[in-house]
Amino acid sequence: MYVVELDRPWESVPFEEPFDLQGFTITKVDEITRLQELCRFVYIDPELGVGASRYLTEETNLTAMDRLVKKTVDAIPLQDFYPEQVTVEEELNQAQEILQDSRAVYDKVVKDIQAGSLSDTKAVKKVVNSLVESVLRNPAATVWLVRLKQRDSTSYSHAISVCVMALTLGRFLGLPKKDLQTLGFAALLQDLGKLKLPAELLSKADPLNSKELGLVRKHVDISVLLVGSMEDIPKSVVNVVASHHERFDGSGYPRKFSRSQIDTLAAIAGLVDSYEAMISDRPYRSAKTSFQALMELYEQRDKTFPGGLVEQFIQCIGIFPVGSFVELNSGEIGVVVSRNRVQQLKPRVMVLVDPDGKKMAQPQAIDLAAQYLLPATMPRMITKIVEPEKYDLDPSQFFF
């Protein structure tokens, strides 16, 4: 057997040879005896154990969650390209100020376009650079604040959410800072063309006919004209805006580009835009859960977006994304405040409601991957994602 996890923090157990910290293989009976002296139970990975193939579940019998979890641990990068510089709590106040500035600047851009005047490019660049720096310091803080405030599904919320998540994925992939700045600039402004479309068309609850669909797709060309008319805009930004609705199999628009014709930054912007649209309410449908959106993207890998990019995105945001409200097996309710890159099912959670359903006066932060367990106790685990309103929780009140 290959042991991958204990029932308590690794550092609390005085392991000696032949046991290695963070994972080891059990090959002898006396090793099991020694392990029994230290732990009540352990977790094993049958795929890493010798001769354990007979215990593995057939792929066709795996649940949707099983398949998705399996993909998040395949080929996890050994290198963290941008190590976190501060904790989530340390970044929260600064991230909040940056997001407030971003909303104000984007709102000004919208008003300028509606008035037929040019926007202040320097102000846009400044807030994008600030968002890049915040995401580099600790992406969880910015993502968390965006998610908690996302309940008001206005256009600028979507634009900023796409920008933040695109930067988060770009950081995860190790993109150079210059590319992150290009990506953030384009992601923030890529849908400006929709401002020139009839409002009733964008809010229509019934399916669009072919003429209406063609008109909506014109927003890409309009966005290119609007962004391109701004002063001192790099061509690379315009190229991302022009291609963010192109798809890997050539089914996108407006130019039917496919595969290598689509720039990597444009693929990232398009993938994140699709995900954000899926998890947001629309006039014609309710929002999907993050899990449903990830499964849909995964099932469409190498069709709409490159399979490798989709799988990296799943690894980046995790099974339970930052800002998700969750129920634990203890009956407690909490919000995910940071993810665990390796153990996707065990993020850090801020517990807000106790097992009796009462709000906690002092919320408690727990790391599900590093719990210290007393005898005869079971580890806390997430059982499901919940709606905060059910427990009288206002998402916008936390750390705002």
Protein backbone atom coordinates (compact mmCIF):
# COMPACT_ATOMS: atom_id res chain seq x y z
CA MET A 1 0.00 0.00 0.00
CA TYR A 2 1.12 3.56 -0.66
CA VAL A 3 0.09 5.87 2.20
CA VAL A 4 -0.64 9.41 1.02
CA GLU A 5 -2.35 10.94 4.06
CA LEU A 6 -2.71 10.41 7.80
CA ASP A 7 -5.52 11.06 10.26
CA ARG A 8 -3.46 13.90 11.76
CA PRO A 9 -0.83 16.44 10.63
CA TRP A 10 2.36 14.83 9.31
CA GLU A 11 4.59 16.93 11.54
CA SER A 12 2.81 15.69 14.68
CA VAL A 13 3.91 12.08 14.08
CA PRO A 14 7.50 11.06 14.95
CA PHE A 15 8.13 9.01 11.83
CA GLU A 16 11.43 7.24 11.43
CA GLU A 17 12.83 4.97 8.72
CA PRO A 18 11.47 3.31 6.65
CA PHE A 19 8.70 5.94 6.61
CA ASP A 20 9.16 9.09 4.53
CA LEU A 21 7.36 12.33 5.30
CA GLN A 22 4.41 13.05 2.95
CA GLY A 23 4.09 9.53 1.52
CA PHE A 24 5.53 6.05 1.80
CA THR A 25 4.96 2.44 0.77
CA ILE A 26 3.97 -0.26 3.28
CA THR A 27 5.61 -3.59 2.38
CA LYS A 28 5.91 -5.51 5.66
CA VAL A 29 3.61 -6.56 8.49
CA ASP A 30 5.82 -4.92 11.12
CA GLU A 31 5.48 -1.62 9.26
CA ILE A 32 1.69 -1.89 9.63
CA THR A 33 2.17 -2.59 13.34
CA ARG A 34 4.37 0.46 13.70
CA LEU A 35 1.82 2.57 11.84
CA GLN A 36 -0.94 1.35 14.14
CA GLU A 37 0.99 2.74 17.09
CA LEU A 38 0.97 6.20 15.54
CA CYS A 39 -2.40 6.51 13.75
CA ARG A 40 -5.94 5.19 13.97
CA PHE A 41 -6.37 5.19 10.20
CA VAL A 42 -4.59 6.36 7.04
CA TYR A 43 -5.49 7.08 3.42
CA ILE A 44 -3.91 5.10 0.61
CA ASP A 45 -3.66 5.63 -3.14
CA PRO A 46 -4.26 2.28 -4.91
CA GLU A 47 -2.87 3.65 -8.16
CA LEU A 48 0.52 4.09 -6.48
CA GLY A 49 0.44 0.79 -4.63
CA VAL A 50 2.21 -2.25 -6.09
CA GLY A 51 -0.17 -4.85 -7.53
CA ALA A 52 -3.26 -2.88 -6.55
CA SER A 53 -4.86 -2.72 -10.00
CA ARG A 54 -7.48 -5.28 -9.02
CA TYR A 55 -8.91 -2.77 -6.53
CA LEU A 56 -9.31 0.06 -9.00
CA THR A 57 -12.76 1.07 -10.21
CA GLU A 58 -13.30 0.89 -13.96
CA GLU A 59 -13.35 4.34 -15.58
CA THR A 60 -16.85 3.70 -16.90
CA ASN A 61 -18.10 3.19 -13.34
CA LEU A 62 -16.56 6.35 -11.92
CA THR A 63 -18.96 9.07 -10.85
CA ALA A 64 -18.69 12.53 -12.36
CA MET A 65 -17.01 13.74 -9.16
CA ASP A 66 -14.54 10.82 -9.26
CA ARG A 67 -13.50 11.66 -12.81
CA LEU A 68 -13.11 15.35 -12.07
CA VAL A 69 -11.10 14.77 -8.88
CA LYS A 70 -8.85 12.33 -10.73
CA LYS A 71 -8.08 14.96 -13.36
CA THR A 72 -7.15 17.55 -10.75
CA VAL A 73 -4.34 15.38 -9.38
CA ASP A 74 -2.93 14.27 -12.74
CA ALA A 75 0.29 16.06 -13.66
CA ILE A 76 0.08 18.63 -10.87
CA PRO A 77 2.94 21.10 -11.42
CA LEU A 78 5.85 20.45 -9.07
CA GLN A 79 6.84 24.12 -9.30
CA ASP A 80 4.82 27.01 -7.95
CA PHE A 81 5.77 29.69 -10.47
CA TYR A 82 4.69 32.55 -8.25
CA PRO A 83 4.91 31.63 -4.55
CA GLU A 84 2.40 33.44 -2.36
CA GLN A 85 3.97 36.53 -0.80
CA VAL A 86 1.31 37.19 1.84
CA THR A 87 -1.61 35.38 3.48
CA VAL A 88 -5.21 35.82 2.39
CA GLU A 89 -5.96 37.91 5.46
CA GLU A 90 -2.97 40.18 4.83
CA GLU A 91 -4.04 40.86 1.23
CA LEU A 92 -7.76 41.37 1.82
CA ASN A 93 -7.80 45.11 2.59
CA GLN A 94 -5.53 46.02 -0.30
CA ALA A 95 -7.41 43.72 -2.68
CA GLN A 96 -10.68 45.35 -1.67
CA GLU A 97 -9.36 48.84 -2.46
CA ILE A 98 -8.03 47.65 -5.84
CA LEU A 99 -11.38 46.07 -6.75
CA GLN A 100 -13.23 49.25 -5.77
CA ASP A 101 -10.90 51.28 -7.99
CA SER A 102 -11.37 48.75 -10.80
CA ARG A 103 -15.15 49.04 -10.61
CA ALA A 104 -14.95 52.84 -10.66
CA VAL A 105 -12.61 52.88 -13.66
CA TYR A 106 -14.68 50.33 -15.59
CA ASP A 107 -17.86 52.27 -14.84
CA LYS A 108 -16.15 55.40 -16.21
CA VAL A 109 -15.18 53.52 -19.39
CA VAL A 110 -18.81 52.45 -19.87
CA LYS A 111 -20.08 56.02 -19.42
CA ASP A 112 -17.47 57.35 -21.84
CA ILE A 113 -18.47 54.85 -24.53
CA GLN A 114 -22.14 55.60 -24.05
CA ALA A 115 -21.33 59.31 -24.40
CA GLY A 116 -19.25 58.71 -27.51
CA SER A 117 -15.99 59.93 -25.96
CA LEU A 118 -12.58 58.29 -25.51
CA SER A 119 -11.64 56.67 -22.20
CA ASP A 120 -8.60 57.32 -20.04
CA THR A 121 -6.30 54.49 -21.06
CA LYS A 122 -3.78 55.32 -18.34
CA ALA A 123 -6.40 54.78 -15.62
CA VAL A 124 -7.33 51.38 -17.09
CA LYS A 125 -3.68 50.32 -17.28
CA LYS A 126 -3.13 51.42 -13.69
CA VAL A 127 -5.96 49.32 -12.25
CA VAL A 128 -5.02 46.30 -14.38
CA ASN A 129 -1.43 46.52 -13.14
CA SER A 130 -2.73 46.76 -9.56
CA LEU A 131 -4.91 43.67 -10.12
CA VAL A 132 -1.90 41.80 -11.52
CA GLU A 133 0.19 42.66 -8.46
CA SER A 134 -2.60 41.64 -6.06
CA VAL A 135 -3.12 38.30 -7.81
CA LEU A 136 0.63 37.67 -7.77
CA ARG A 137 0.82 38.36 -4.03
CA ASN A 138 -2.10 36.04 -3.22
CA PRO A 139 -4.85 35.28 -5.76
CA ALA A 140 -7.24 33.80 -3.18
CA ALA A 141 -7.93 37.19 -1.57
CA THR A 142 -8.99 38.88 -4.83
CA VAL A 143 -10.97 35.87 -6.06
CA TRP A 144 -12.74 35.58 -2.72
CA LEU A 145 -13.85 39.21 -2.72
CA VAL A 146 -15.05 38.96 -6.33
CA ARG A 147 -17.08 35.85 -5.56
CA LEU A 148 -18.65 37.31 -2.44
CA LYS A 149 -19.73 40.41 -4.35
CA GLN A 150 -20.77 38.60 -7.53
CA ARG A 151 -24.39 38.25 -6.48
CA ASP A 152 -25.23 41.53 -8.23
CA SER A 153 -24.94 40.30 -11.81
CA THR A 154 -24.21 43.66 -13.43
CA SER A 155 -22.04 43.84 -16.52
CA TYR A 156 -19.06 45.35 -14.73
CA SER A 157 -19.12 42.56 -12.14
CA HIS A 158 -18.82 40.02 -14.95
CA ALA A 159 -16.00 41.96 -16.61
CA ILE A 160 -14.00 42.23 -13.39
CA SER A 161 -14.67 38.58 -12.50
CA VAL A 162 -13.37 37.49 -15.92
CA CYS A 163 -10.32 39.72 -15.52
CA VAL A 164 -9.46 38.39 -12.04
CA MET A 165 -9.99 34.74 -12.96
CA ALA A 166 -7.98 35.10 -16.19
CA LEU A 167 -5.10 36.59 -14.20
CA THR A 168 -5.42 33.79 -11.63
CA LEU A 169 -5.19 31.13 -14.34
CA GLY A 170 -2.32 32.98 -16.02
CA ARG A 171 -0.46 33.11 -12.71
CA PHE A 172 -1.06 29.39 -12.19
CA LEU A 173 0.39 28.69 -15.65
CA GLY A 174 3.46 30.81 -14.89
CA LEU A 175 2.90 33.44 -17.59
CA PRO A 176 5.38 36.35 -17.59
CA LYS A 177 4.11 39.54 -15.95
CA LYS A 178 3.97 41.30 -19.34
CA ASP A 179 1.59 38.63 -20.65
CA LEU A 180 -0.49 38.87 -17.47
CA GLN A 181 -0.88 42.61 -18.05
CA THR A 182 -1.96 42.02 -21.65
CA LEU A 183 -4.38 39.30 -20.56
CA GLY A 184 -5.88 41.42 -17.77
CA PHE A 185 -6.35 44.45 -20.02
CA ALA A 186 -8.06 42.41 -22.73
CA ALA A 187 -10.22 40.35 -20.35
CA LEU A 188 -11.54 43.49 -18.67
CA LEU A 189 -12.56 45.19 -21.95
CA GLN A 190 -13.33 42.31 -24.33
CA ASP A 191 -17.12 42.63 -24.14
CA LEU A 192 -17.43 46.42 -24.42
CA GLY A 193 -19.07 45.95 -27.81
CA LYS A 194 -22.24 44.71 -26.08
CA LEU A 195 -22.83 48.28 -24.91
CA LYS A 196 -23.70 49.16 -28.50
CA LEU A 197 -26.31 46.40 -28.82
CA PRO A 198 -30.02 46.85 -28.01
CA ALA A 199 -30.58 46.23 -24.28
CA GLU A 200 -33.71 44.18 -24.99
CA LEU A 201 -31.65 41.81 -27.13
CA LEU A 202 -29.22 41.04 -24.31
CA SER A 203 -32.03 40.60 -21.78
CA LYS A 204 -34.23 38.41 -23.97
CA ALA A 205 -35.38 35.28 -22.12
CA ASP A 206 -36.44 33.32 -25.22
CA PRO A 207 -33.94 31.68 -27.60
CA LEU A 208 -32.44 34.08 -30.15
CA ASN A 209 -33.31 33.59 -33.81
CA SER A 210 -30.55 33.46 -36.42
CA LYS A 211 -30.74 37.20 -37.15
CA GLU A 212 -30.56 38.10 -33.46
CA LEU A 213 -27.71 35.67 -32.87
CA GLY A 214 -25.77 37.19 -35.75
CA LEU A 215 -26.28 40.64 -34.26
CA VAL A 216 -25.04 39.56 -30.84
CA ARG A 217 -21.92 38.10 -32.41
CA LYS A 218 -21.18 41.50 -33.91
CA HIS A 219 -20.13 42.62 -30.44
CA VAL A 220 -16.64 41.17 -30.99
CA ASP A 221 -15.95 43.41 -33.99
CA ILE A 222 -17.42 46.38 -32.14
CA SER A 223 -15.22 45.63 -29.12
CA VAL A 224 -12.15 45.53 -31.37
CA LEU A 225 -13.03 48.97 -32.77
CA LEU A 226 -13.68 50.44 -29.31
CA VAL A 227 -10.54 49.02 -27.68
CA GLY A 228 -8.42 49.77 -30.74
CA SER A 229 -9.51 53.41 -30.70
CA MET A 230 -8.13 53.93 -27.18
CA GLU A 231 -4.83 55.74 -26.93
CA ASP A 232 -1.62 53.70 -26.71
CA ILE A 233 -3.28 50.25 -26.76
CA PRO A 234 -0.87 47.37 -27.57
CA LYS A 235 -1.78 45.30 -30.61
CA SER A 236 -1.53 42.17 -28.45
CA VAL A 237 -4.49 43.37 -26.38
CA VAL A 238 -6.61 43.97 -29.48
CA ASN A 239 -5.70 40.49 -30.80
CA VAL A 240 -6.98 38.84 -27.61
CA VAL A 241 -10.23 40.81 -27.78
CA ALA A 242 -10.66 39.81 -31.43
CA SER A 243 -10.22 36.08 -30.77
CA HIS A 244 -11.75 35.37 -27.36
CA HIS A 245 -14.86 33.81 -28.94
CA GLU A 246 -12.90 31.59 -31.34
CA ARG A 247 -12.96 27.89 -30.45
CA PHE A 248 -10.48 25.03 -30.70
CA ASP A 249 -12.58 23.05 -33.21
CA GLY A 250 -13.32 26.07 -35.42
CA SER A 251 -16.92 26.49 -34.23
CA GLY A 252 -16.35 29.96 -32.77
CA TYR A 253 -16.69 33.41 -34.26
CA PRO A 254 -16.16 35.81 -35.96
CA ARG A 255 -13.34 34.31 -38.10
CA LYS A 256 -13.76 30.56 -37.45
CA PHE A 257 -10.17 30.22 -36.24
CA SER A 258 -9.09 26.86 -34.81
CA ARG A 259 -6.23 25.23 -32.93
CA SER A 260 -2.90 27.06 -33.36
CA GLN A 261 -4.61 30.00 -35.05
CA ILE A 262 -5.94 31.00 -31.63
CA ASP A 263 -3.48 32.81 -29.39
CA THR A 264 -2.92 31.24 -25.96
CA LEU A 265 -4.01 34.41 -24.16
CA ALA A 266 -7.20 34.52 -26.25
CA ALA A 267 -7.92 30.87 -25.35
CA ILE A 268 -7.48 31.69 -21.65
CA ALA A 269 -9.75 34.74 -21.92
CA GLY A 270 -12.39 32.73 -23.78
CA LEU A 271 -12.29 29.81 -21.35
CA VAL A 272 -12.67 32.01 -18.29
CA ASP A 273 -15.41 34.06 -19.97
CA SER A 274 -17.36 30.86 -20.69
CA TYR A 275 -16.94 29.60 -17.12
CA GLU A 276 -18.04 32.92 -15.60
CA ALA A 277 -21.07 33.02 -17.88
CA MET A 278 -22.04 29.48 -16.85
CA ILE A 279 -21.96 30.22 -13.10
CA SER A 280 -23.95 33.47 -13.48
CA ASP A 281 -27.70 33.91 -13.84
CA ARG A 282 -28.88 34.73 -17.34
CA PRO A 283 -32.34 35.87 -18.56
CA TYR A 284 -32.83 32.51 -20.24
CA ARG A 285 -31.47 30.21 -17.48
CA SER A 286 -30.36 29.98 -13.88
CA ALA A 287 -26.70 29.89 -12.89
CA LYS A 288 -24.94 26.55 -12.91
CA THR A 289 -22.83 25.40 -10.00
CA SER A 290 -19.07 25.60 -10.39
CA PHE A 291 -18.96 21.80 -10.50
CA GLN A 292 -21.55 21.63 -13.30
CA ALA A 293 -19.64 24.25 -15.28
CA LEU A 294 -16.33 22.43 -14.84
CA MET A 295 -17.88 19.13 -15.92
CA GLU A 296 -19.35 20.75 -19.02
CA LEU A 297 -16.01 22.30 -19.93
CA TYR A 298 -14.23 19.01 -19.31
CA GLU A 299 -16.68 17.06 -21.47
CA GLN A 300 -16.08 19.59 -24.27
CA ARG A 301 -12.26 19.53 -23.97
CA ASP A 302 -10.41 19.61 -27.30
CA LYS A 303 -13.64 20.83 -28.88
CA THR A 304 -14.25 24.28 -27.48
CA PHE A 305 -10.90 24.69 -25.71
CA PRO A 306 -7.61 22.73 -25.60
CA GLY A 307 -7.92 19.76 -23.25
CA GLY A 308 -4.70 20.57 -21.44
CA LEU A 309 -5.82 24.14 -20.75
CA VAL A 310 -9.18 22.93 -19.39
CA GLU A 311 -7.48 20.49 -17.03
CA GLN A 312 -5.06 23.17 -15.83
CA PHE A 313 -8.04 25.45 -15.19
CA ILE A 314 -9.71 22.75 -13.10
CA GLN A 315 -6.52 22.37 -11.07
CA CYS A 316 -6.24 26.15 -10.72
CA ILE A 317 -9.66 26.89 -9.22
CA GLY A 318 -10.20 23.55 -7.46
CA ILE A 319 -13.27 21.41 -6.98
CA PHE A 320 -14.52 23.84 -4.34
CA PRO A 321 -13.52 27.31 -5.59
CA VAL A 322 -12.65 30.14 -3.24
CA GLY A 323 -15.86 31.86 -2.12
CA SER A 324 -17.97 28.68 -2.20
CA PHE A 325 -20.30 28.18 0.76
CA VAL A 326 -20.10 24.56 1.92
CA GLU A 327 -21.56 22.16 4.44
CA LEU A 328 -19.24 19.89 6.41
CA ASN A 329 -19.94 16.37 7.65
CA SER A 330 -20.07 17.89 11.14
CA GLY A 331 -23.15 19.89 10.14
CA GLU A 332 -21.23 23.18 10.18
CA ILE A 333 -21.54 25.74 7.36
CA GLY A 334 -18.55 27.70 6.11
CA VAL A 335 -16.98 29.51 3.18
CA VAL A 336 -13.87 28.35 1.31
CA VAL A 337 -11.13 30.95 1.82
CA SER A 338 -8.20 29.23 0.11
CA ARG A 339 -7.69 26.09 -1.95
CA ASN A 340 -5.32 23.17 -1.51
CA ARG A 341 -3.36 22.71 -4.73
CA VAL A 342 -2.68 19.00 -4.14
CA GLN A 343 -5.64 17.86 -2.02
CA GLN A 344 -8.47 19.53 -3.90
CA LEU A 345 -11.20 18.22 -1.60
CA LYS A 346 -9.55 19.72 1.49
CA PRO A 347 -9.36 23.51 1.20
CA ARG A 348 -9.16 26.01 4.06
CA VAL A 349 -12.64 26.87 5.32
CA MET A 350 -13.96 29.67 7.52
CA VAL A 351 -16.72 28.09 9.66
CA LEU A 352 -19.65 30.51 10.07
CA VAL A 353 -22.50 28.34 11.39
CA ASP A 354 -22.17 25.72 14.13
CA PRO A 355 -23.66 22.19 13.97
CA ASP A 356 -26.85 23.47 15.67
CA GLY A 357 -27.45 25.99 12.91
CA LYS A 358 -26.42 29.05 14.95
CA LYS A 359 -24.17 31.75 13.54
CA MET A 360 -20.81 31.81 15.24
CA ALA A 361 -19.87 35.05 16.99
CA GLN A 362 -16.23 34.40 16.09
CA PRO A 363 -15.88 32.44 12.83
CA GLN A 364 -13.23 29.73 12.99
CA ALA A 365 -10.74 29.06 10.17
CA ILE A 366 -9.81 25.40 9.71
CA ASP A 367 -7.47 23.71 7.25
CA LEU A 368 -9.17 20.49 6.19
CA ALA A 369 -5.82 19.10 5.04
CA ALA A 370 -4.08 19.66 8.39
CA GLN A 371 -6.52 18.72 11.12
CA TYR A 372 -5.37 17.54 14.52
CA LEU A 373 -7.70 14.74 15.55
CA LEU A 374 -8.42 13.57 19.07
CA PRO A 375 -9.06 9.85 19.68
CA ALA A 376 -12.40 8.56 18.41
CA THR A 377 -12.97 11.62 16.22
CA MET A 378 -13.42 11.76 12.46
CA PRO A 379 -11.91 14.43 10.24
CA ARG A 380 -14.12 17.23 8.94
CA MET A 381 -14.92 16.91 5.25
CA ILE A 382 -17.00 18.90 2.77
CA THR A 383 -20.23 17.14 1.87
CA LYS A 384 -21.81 19.67 -0.49
CA ILE A 385 -22.00 23.26 -1.71
CA VAL A 386 -24.91 25.23 -0.23
CA GLU A 387 -26.69 28.51 -0.84
CA PRO A 388 -25.80 31.04 1.87
CA GLU A 389 -29.30 32.58 1.87
CA LYS A 390 -30.66 29.32 3.27
CA TYR A 391 -28.69 29.99 6.45
CA ASP A 392 -29.39 33.74 6.52
CA LEU A 393 -25.83 34.51 5.43
CA ASP A 394 -25.15 37.61 3.33
CA PRO A 395 -22.08 36.93 1.16
CA SER A 396 -21.29 40.63 0.82
CA GLN A 397 -20.85 41.12 4.57
CA PHE A 398 -17.74 39.02 4.92
CA PHE A 399 -14.58 41.11 4.98
CA PHE A 400 -16.27 44.04 3.21
